Amino acid sequence: MTELTDYINAIVSVKDKEKDIDYSSMSRDIALITHMYSNTKTPVPRFKLNDEIIKRNNSLIIGYKCLNCNITNNITLNLYLRKVNNKTKCCDGCKNLDDLKRSNHTSFMLGERVSEPKLEKWSEKSIRERIYESNILFDSEDDEFKIKYKLQHMDVDEFERVKNKIVSIGNGKIKNISDWDYVPHYRTCNQSKYTPMIVNHTSNSIEKPQYIEWKCEVCENIFVNRDLEVQKNRIKMLCAECGFCNRTFKVKSLTTPWGKITYQSQQEYRFINWCIENKIQIENGPSIEYSWNGKNHKYKVDFKIPKYRRLVEIKDNHIWHKKQIECGKWSMKEDIAKKWCNENKWEYDLVFPKNLSSWKENIIKLKESCKI
């Protein structure tokens, strides 16, 4: 078997054909390196000159001695690295002197070649045949490749666990997810080799699971991920807003007579219970879109009290809130909430611990006045 060192030792010269410079005196090496953007994470041979990796866009000419016939040849660096990657031992000259190859070529030119049976194209095979062959090919891969693939992509059990949380796939193209089965490693004809797919055997359809709509388990809003891998190894399906809050403050929920209400602090928890005790209907607040520093964001108001048309934001003097005030982000959120209230004829209440008691008194008075 030809080793990597054999290809390194076979190099006798390195020249730049455009600059007309000879680099043969410099140290050279060939290393197997995985590109950071590679889908397969398979290492490929890269040429080093004085310990510096040479990029593919180069004008280097490699002079090397053929490992089979020992004749010196001159080819581009990229072609030489292709020989290294394919473990090609012969040069173009000696491979054409192969007796069997010459005999077959002569027979072909004289019309004596026996036609080989035509292989069935991948696109002409049924979906079941393609899935079966994909499984066979994947099982034949080395263990390291299979482990890396499974760490990146969901398996069947993982998909089944989150299947009922998917609203649609393909930007609303597929909505009845229960009719589709998950294929974790479907053979492709590109450098990825395999990719997850979903298949509907009834309609004989196969699709790549992209642009998946999920229902957030906390705020119940719909959000989109480009692929399934984003949610791999996650216990809960959370939108970006709830996911961020969940990493900063644990998001919890409480079931009320009016539905599930989410909260993040003990202060909010006590507020929800106070509303339940006083029979004041409370719901999750709306998510209001706004722009900040050139990016789109959503301000999720804590609660709303529909009967009195009020949005309620419970705040404490937390360092996170203070930083938002300092940078001006909080004033933007407050302005957009007040604008929403003006457009919908509601009121926006920002409640701190120091004014919570007085706010409750006003709500009780408002409740009693509505009874009269």
Protein backbone atom coordinates (compact mmCIF):
# COMPACT_ATOMS: atom_id res chain seq x y z
CA MET A 1 0.00 0.00 0.00
CA THR A 2 1.31 3.44 -0.97
CA GLU A 3 1.99 5.64 2.07
CA LEU A 4 1.73 9.43 2.31
CA THR A 5 5.51 9.68 2.80
CA ASP A 6 6.03 7.97 -0.59
CA TYR A 7 4.26 10.85 -2.34
CA ILE A 8 6.27 13.41 -0.34
CA ASN A 9 9.60 11.74 -1.15
CA ALA A 10 8.65 11.43 -4.84
CA ILE A 11 8.64 15.25 -5.26
CA VAL A 12 11.87 16.50 -6.84
CA SER A 13 10.95 20.12 -7.63
CA VAL A 14 8.43 22.85 -6.84
CA LYS A 15 8.14 25.84 -9.19
CA ASP A 16 5.77 28.74 -9.77
CA LYS A 17 4.96 28.90 -13.51
CA GLU A 18 3.59 32.47 -13.36
CA LYS A 19 6.29 34.09 -11.20
CA ASP A 20 9.06 31.85 -12.58
CA ILE A 21 10.37 31.13 -9.08
CA ASP A 22 11.95 27.86 -7.94
CA TYR A 23 10.86 26.76 -4.44
CA SER A 24 12.61 23.39 -4.58
CA SER A 25 15.04 24.29 -1.78
CA MET A 26 12.20 24.98 0.67
CA SER A 27 10.90 22.37 3.07
CA ARG A 28 7.75 20.63 1.86
CA ASP A 29 5.18 18.33 3.33
CA ILE A 30 1.73 16.85 2.68
CA ALA A 31 -0.72 16.72 5.59
CA LEU A 32 -4.24 15.34 5.90
CA ILE A 33 -6.39 18.26 7.06
CA THR A 34 -10.14 18.64 7.57
CA HIS A 35 -11.52 21.92 6.25
CA MET A 36 -13.57 23.85 8.80
CA TYR A 37 -16.53 24.15 6.38
CA SER A 38 -16.49 20.52 5.25
CA ASN A 39 -19.83 18.67 5.50
CA THR A 40 -18.24 15.22 5.67
CA LYS A 41 -15.38 16.23 8.01
CA THR A 42 -13.17 13.91 5.96
CA PRO A 43 -9.48 14.95 5.95
CA VAL A 44 -7.96 15.67 2.53
CA PRO A 45 -4.29 16.09 1.52
CA ARG A 46 -2.97 19.67 1.66
CA PHE A 47 0.50 20.77 0.51
CA LYS A 48 2.78 22.68 2.85
CA LEU A 49 5.70 24.85 1.78
CA ASN A 50 7.92 26.02 4.65
CA ASP A 51 5.11 24.89 7.03
CA GLU A 52 2.62 27.17 5.27
CA ILE A 53 -0.47 25.57 3.72
CA ILE A 54 -0.82 26.31 0.00
CA LYS A 55 -4.36 27.19 -1.06
CA ARG A 56 -6.04 25.58 -4.07
CA ASN A 57 -5.86 28.83 -6.04
CA ASN A 58 -2.14 28.58 -6.90
CA SER A 59 0.20 28.36 -9.91
CA LEU A 60 2.67 25.76 -8.59
CA ILE A 61 4.10 23.00 -10.77
CA ILE A 62 5.25 19.80 -9.07
CA GLY A 63 8.04 17.69 -10.52
CA TYR A 64 7.80 14.13 -9.23
CA LYS A 65 9.10 10.65 -9.94
CA CYS A 66 6.39 8.15 -10.81
CA LEU A 67 6.01 5.54 -8.09
CA ASN A 68 5.55 2.88 -10.78
CA CYS A 69 7.96 3.65 -13.65
CA ASN A 70 10.30 6.14 -11.88
CA ILE A 71 10.04 8.63 -14.75
CA THR A 72 9.97 12.32 -13.78
CA ASN A 73 6.73 14.15 -14.60
CA ASN A 74 5.61 17.76 -14.18
CA ILE A 75 1.98 18.49 -13.30
CA THR A 76 0.08 21.15 -11.36
CA LEU A 77 -0.03 20.92 -7.57
CA ASN A 78 -3.80 20.38 -7.56
CA LEU A 79 -3.50 17.41 -9.93
CA TYR A 80 -0.75 15.93 -7.79
CA LEU A 81 -2.84 16.24 -4.64
CA ARG A 82 -5.67 14.53 -6.51
CA LYS A 83 -3.32 11.60 -7.17
CA VAL A 84 -2.43 11.54 -3.48
CA ASN A 85 -6.10 11.58 -2.45
CA ASN A 86 -7.00 8.78 -4.90
CA LYS A 87 -3.79 6.85 -4.02
CA THR A 88 -2.86 6.74 -7.70
CA LYS A 89 0.51 5.05 -8.20
CA CYS A 90 0.96 5.33 -11.98
CA CYS A 91 1.65 8.45 -14.02
CA ASP A 92 -0.30 9.20 -17.21
CA GLY A 93 2.49 7.63 -19.26
CA CYS A 94 2.80 4.22 -17.60
CA LYS A 95 -0.89 3.72 -16.94
CA ASN A 96 -1.50 3.83 -20.70
CA LEU A 97 1.08 1.06 -21.20
CA ASP A 98 -1.00 -1.39 -19.19
CA ASP A 99 -1.50 -4.46 -21.43
CA LEU A 100 -5.05 -5.14 -20.28
CA LYS A 101 -6.09 -1.55 -20.83
CA ARG A 102 -4.54 -1.51 -24.30
CA SER A 103 -6.21 -4.80 -25.20
CA ASN A 104 -9.62 -3.56 -24.09
CA HIS A 105 -9.14 -0.33 -26.01
CA THR A 106 -8.21 -2.24 -29.18
CA SER A 107 -11.26 -4.48 -28.83
CA PHE A 108 -13.49 -1.47 -28.34
CA MET A 109 -12.15 0.32 -31.42
CA LEU A 110 -12.62 -2.85 -33.50
CA GLY A 111 -16.18 -3.26 -32.24
CA GLU A 112 -15.38 -6.47 -30.39
CA ARG A 113 -16.19 -5.20 -26.95
CA VAL A 114 -19.04 -7.06 -25.26
CA SER A 115 -21.62 -4.58 -24.03
CA GLU A 116 -22.03 -4.62 -20.28
CA PRO A 117 -25.51 -4.74 -18.75
CA LYS A 118 -26.86 -1.24 -18.18
CA LEU A 119 -26.97 -0.36 -14.51
CA GLU A 120 -30.21 1.03 -13.21
CA LYS A 121 -29.93 4.74 -12.41
CA TRP A 122 -30.48 5.91 -8.84
CA SER A 123 -33.36 8.14 -9.98
CA GLU A 124 -35.05 5.15 -11.67
CA LYS A 125 -35.14 3.06 -8.50
CA SER A 126 -38.15 3.03 -6.20
CA ILE A 127 -38.05 4.95 -2.94
CA ARG A 128 -38.01 1.71 -0.94
CA GLU A 129 -35.04 0.44 -2.98
CA ARG A 130 -33.15 3.70 -2.45
CA ILE A 131 -33.79 3.66 1.30
CA TYR A 132 -32.71 0.01 1.51
CA GLU A 133 -29.47 0.67 -0.43
CA SER A 134 -28.81 3.78 1.66
CA ASN A 135 -29.02 1.71 4.87
CA ILE A 136 -26.68 -0.95 3.43
CA LEU A 137 -24.13 1.68 2.33
CA PHE A 138 -24.29 3.52 5.65
CA ASP A 139 -23.75 0.29 7.60
CA SER A 140 -20.63 -0.36 5.52
CA GLU A 141 -19.04 2.96 6.55
CA ASP A 142 -16.32 2.97 9.18
CA ASP A 143 -17.33 3.43 12.81
CA GLU A 144 -15.73 6.87 13.14
CA PHE A 145 -17.80 8.27 10.26
CA LYS A 146 -21.03 6.78 11.63
CA ILE A 147 -20.38 8.16 15.12
CA LYS A 148 -19.74 11.69 13.76
CA TYR A 149 -22.87 11.52 11.62
CA LYS A 150 -25.08 10.36 14.49
CA LEU A 151 -23.73 13.09 16.75
CA GLN A 152 -24.82 15.69 14.19
CA HIS A 153 -28.17 14.30 13.00
CA MET A 154 -31.28 12.99 14.74
CA ASP A 155 -31.96 9.26 14.80
CA VAL A 156 -35.44 7.75 14.41
CA ASP A 157 -36.19 7.75 18.16
CA GLU A 158 -35.18 11.40 18.54
CA PHE A 159 -37.38 12.42 15.62
CA GLU A 160 -40.37 10.50 16.98
CA ARG A 161 -39.96 12.32 20.30
CA VAL A 162 -40.29 15.76 18.67
CA LYS A 163 -42.57 14.81 15.76
CA ASN A 164 -45.77 15.94 17.49
CA LYS A 165 -44.23 19.36 18.15
CA ILE A 166 -43.75 20.10 14.44
CA VAL A 167 -46.40 22.35 12.89
CA SER A 168 -45.19 22.06 9.29
CA ILE A 169 -42.16 21.32 7.09
CA GLY A 170 -41.03 23.19 4.00
CA ASN A 171 -42.55 26.56 4.94
CA GLY A 172 -46.02 25.06 5.28
CA LYS A 173 -45.72 22.57 2.40
CA ILE A 174 -46.16 19.51 4.67
CA LYS A 175 -48.59 19.89 7.56
CA ASN A 176 -49.83 16.37 8.32
CA ILE A 177 -46.54 15.11 9.76
CA SER A 178 -48.08 11.86 11.06
CA ASP A 179 -48.20 10.54 7.47
CA TRP A 180 -44.43 10.83 7.07
CA ASP A 181 -41.61 8.56 8.28
CA TYR A 182 -38.09 9.67 9.09
CA VAL A 183 -35.07 8.30 7.19
CA PRO A 184 -31.92 9.27 9.16
CA HIS A 185 -29.30 8.53 6.48
CA TYR A 186 -30.41 8.74 2.86
CA ARG A 187 -27.70 8.49 0.21
CA THR A 188 -26.90 11.69 -1.71
CA CYS A 189 -24.70 12.33 -4.74
CA ASN A 190 -22.65 15.15 -3.22
CA GLN A 191 -19.87 15.47 -0.66
CA SER A 192 -22.30 15.04 2.26
CA LYS A 193 -22.79 11.37 1.23
CA TYR A 194 -25.93 11.06 3.41
CA THR A 195 -28.68 13.35 4.61
CA PRO A 196 -31.88 12.95 6.68
CA MET A 197 -35.13 12.72 4.70
CA ILE A 198 -38.82 12.16 5.38
CA VAL A 199 -40.84 9.76 3.25
CA ASN A 200 -44.55 9.23 2.61
CA HIS A 201 -44.99 5.71 1.24
CA THR A 202 -48.69 6.25 0.54
CA SER A 203 -48.09 9.12 -1.90
CA ASN A 204 -44.63 7.78 -2.87
CA SER A 205 -43.01 11.10 -1.90
CA ILE A 206 -39.68 11.91 -0.31
CA GLU A 207 -38.64 15.33 1.02
CA LYS A 208 -35.72 16.92 2.83
CA PRO A 209 -36.86 18.25 6.24
CA GLN A 210 -36.04 21.95 5.88
CA TYR A 211 -37.65 25.15 7.17
CA ILE A 212 -39.46 23.42 10.00
CA GLU A 213 -42.18 25.30 11.88
CA TRP A 214 -42.32 24.52 15.61
CA LYS A 215 -44.75 25.56 18.31
CA CYS A 216 -42.86 27.03 21.25
CA GLU A 217 -43.62 25.06 24.41
CA VAL A 218 -43.51 28.20 26.53
CA CYS A 219 -45.18 31.06 24.64
CA GLU A 220 -46.88 28.81 22.04
CA ASN A 221 -45.77 31.11 19.22
CA ILE A 222 -44.69 29.58 15.89
CA PHE A 223 -40.99 29.78 14.99
CA VAL A 224 -38.90 28.36 12.14
CA ASN A 225 -35.60 26.45 12.05
CA ARG A 226 -33.79 25.79 8.79
CA ASP A 227 -33.22 22.12 9.63
CA LEU A 228 -33.79 19.51 12.34
CA GLU A 229 -30.20 19.57 13.61
CA VAL A 230 -30.81 22.91 15.39
CA GLN A 231 -33.11 21.15 17.87
CA LYS A 232 -31.04 17.97 18.31
CA ASN A 233 -30.41 17.07 21.98
CA ARG A 234 -32.84 19.75 23.21
CA ILE A 235 -35.46 18.65 25.70
CA LYS A 236 -37.86 21.52 24.99
CA MET A 237 -38.71 23.23 21.72
CA LEU A 238 -38.29 26.94 22.47
CA CYS A 239 -38.33 29.99 20.22
CA ALA A 240 -35.30 32.31 20.22
CA GLU A 241 -36.88 34.68 22.77
CA CYS A 242 -37.91 31.97 25.23
CA GLY A 243 -34.68 30.08 24.64
CA PHE A 244 -32.68 33.18 25.57
CA CYS A 245 -34.83 33.82 28.64
CA ASN A 246 -34.59 30.16 29.62
CA ARG A 247 -30.79 30.36 29.56
CA THR A 248 -30.82 33.57 31.61
CA PHE A 249 -33.83 33.00 33.87
CA LYS A 250 -35.60 29.66 34.08
CA VAL A 251 -38.98 29.96 32.32
CA LYS A 252 -41.81 28.16 34.13
CA SER A 253 -45.56 27.97 33.64
CA LEU A 254 -48.61 27.95 35.87
CA THR A 255 -52.06 26.65 34.90
CA THR A 256 -54.83 29.16 35.64
CA PRO A 257 -58.61 29.10 35.05
CA TRP A 258 -57.85 31.05 31.84
CA GLY A 259 -55.03 28.87 30.50
CA LYS A 260 -51.29 28.37 30.96
CA ILE A 261 -49.35 31.47 32.04
CA THR A 262 -45.55 31.67 31.86
CA TYR A 263 -43.37 33.42 34.42
CA GLN A 264 -39.67 33.84 35.25
CA SER A 265 -39.46 35.10 38.82
CA GLN A 266 -41.09 34.61 42.19
CA GLN A 267 -42.46 38.12 41.94
CA GLU A 268 -44.30 37.21 38.72
CA TYR A 269 -45.46 33.91 40.29
CA ARG A 270 -46.98 35.73 43.24
CA PHE A 271 -48.62 38.24 40.90
CA ILE A 272 -50.32 35.44 38.92
CA ASN A 273 -51.61 33.87 42.15
CA TRP A 274 -52.92 37.23 43.32
CA CYS A 275 -54.90 37.55 40.08
CA ILE A 276 -56.31 34.02 40.56
CA GLU A 277 -57.33 34.75 44.16
CA ASN A 278 -59.06 37.98 43.14
CA LYS A 279 -60.66 36.42 40.03
CA ILE A 280 -58.93 38.85 37.71
CA GLN A 281 -58.49 37.23 34.32
CA ILE A 282 -54.85 37.24 33.26
CA GLU A 283 -53.17 36.04 30.06
CA ASN A 284 -49.68 35.97 28.54
CA GLY A 285 -48.69 39.31 27.10
CA PRO A 286 -48.16 39.87 23.36
CA SER A 287 -44.81 39.71 21.53
CA ILE A 288 -44.22 43.09 19.88
CA GLU A 289 -41.64 43.44 17.11
CA TYR A 290 -39.11 46.28 17.14
CA SER A 291 -35.71 47.18 15.69
CA TRP A 292 -32.57 47.81 17.70
CA ASN A 293 -29.04 48.43 16.39
CA GLY A 294 -30.05 47.33 12.90
CA LYS A 295 -31.55 43.99 14.04
CA ASN A 296 -35.13 42.82 14.49
CA HIS A 297 -36.22 41.83 18.00
CA LYS A 298 -39.39 40.94 19.89
CA TYR A 299 -40.45 42.43 23.21
CA LYS A 300 -42.58 39.89 25.06
CA VAL A 301 -44.70 41.77 27.58
CA ASP A 302 -45.24 39.76 30.78
CA PHE A 303 -49.05 39.78 31.09
CA LYS A 304 -52.26 41.29 29.85
CA ILE A 305 -55.58 41.82 31.60
CA PRO A 306 -58.13 41.77 28.76
CA LYS A 307 -61.15 42.97 30.74
CA TYR A 308 -59.41 46.21 31.73
CA ARG A 309 -57.35 46.41 28.50
CA ARG A 310 -54.02 46.64 30.28
CA LEU A 311 -50.55 45.32 29.52
CA VAL A 312 -48.57 44.63 32.70
CA GLU A 313 -44.79 44.43 32.91
CA ILE A 314 -43.41 43.26 36.27
CA LYS A 315 -39.87 44.56 36.86
CA ASP A 316 -37.28 44.55 39.60
CA ASN A 317 -34.02 46.49 39.83
CA HIS A 318 -32.05 43.61 38.34
CA ILE A 319 -28.63 44.29 36.79
CA TRP A 320 -29.93 42.99 33.44
CA HIS A 321 -32.70 45.62 33.44
CA LYS A 322 -30.26 48.35 34.50
CA LYS A 323 -27.95 47.53 31.58
CA GLN A 324 -30.86 47.77 29.15
CA ILE A 325 -31.69 51.21 30.55
CA GLU A 326 -28.08 52.37 30.20
CA CYS A 327 -27.75 51.31 26.55
CA GLY A 328 -31.18 52.68 25.61
CA LYS A 329 -32.71 49.33 24.68
CA TRP A 330 -35.30 49.47 27.44
CA SER A 331 -36.64 52.87 26.34
CA MET A 332 -37.09 51.42 22.85
CA LYS A 333 -39.07 48.45 24.27
CA GLU A 334 -41.16 50.76 26.45
CA ASP A 335 -41.92 53.09 23.52
CA ILE A 336 -42.99 50.24 21.24
CA ALA A 337 -45.26 48.82 23.97
CA LYS A 338 -46.91 52.22 24.52
CA LYS A 339 -47.35 52.61 20.76
CA TRP A 340 -49.06 49.20 20.63
CA CYS A 341 -51.37 50.28 23.46
CA ASN A 342 -52.25 53.56 21.75
CA GLU A 343 -53.11 51.76 18.52
CA ASN A 344 -55.27 49.20 20.34
CA LYS A 345 -56.68 51.60 22.98
CA TRP A 346 -55.03 49.80 25.89
CA GLU A 347 -52.84 51.00 28.75
CA TYR A 348 -49.28 49.99 29.59
CA ASP A 349 -48.39 49.48 33.29
CA LEU A 350 -44.77 49.15 34.38
CA VAL A 351 -44.89 47.74 37.92
CA PHE A 352 -41.97 47.69 40.38
CA PRO A 353 -42.02 46.26 43.94
CA LYS A 354 -42.31 49.79 45.37
CA ASN A 355 -45.53 50.56 43.48
CA LEU A 356 -47.01 47.05 43.30
CA SER A 357 -49.32 47.56 46.31
CA SER A 358 -50.76 50.80 44.97
CA TRP A 359 -51.22 49.22 41.52
CA LYS A 360 -53.18 46.33 43.07
CA GLU A 361 -55.39 48.77 44.97
CA ASN A 362 -56.20 50.62 41.74
CA ILE A 363 -57.09 47.36 39.96
CA ILE A 364 -59.37 46.31 42.86
CA LYS A 365 -61.09 49.73 42.73
CA LEU A 366 -61.48 49.35 38.96
CA LYS A 367 -62.96 45.89 39.46
CA GLU A 368 -65.46 47.12 42.07
CA SER A 369 -66.47 50.10 39.92
CA CYS A 370 -67.27 47.71 37.06
CA LYS A 371 -69.78 45.88 39.32
CA ILE A 372 -71.80 49.02 39.93
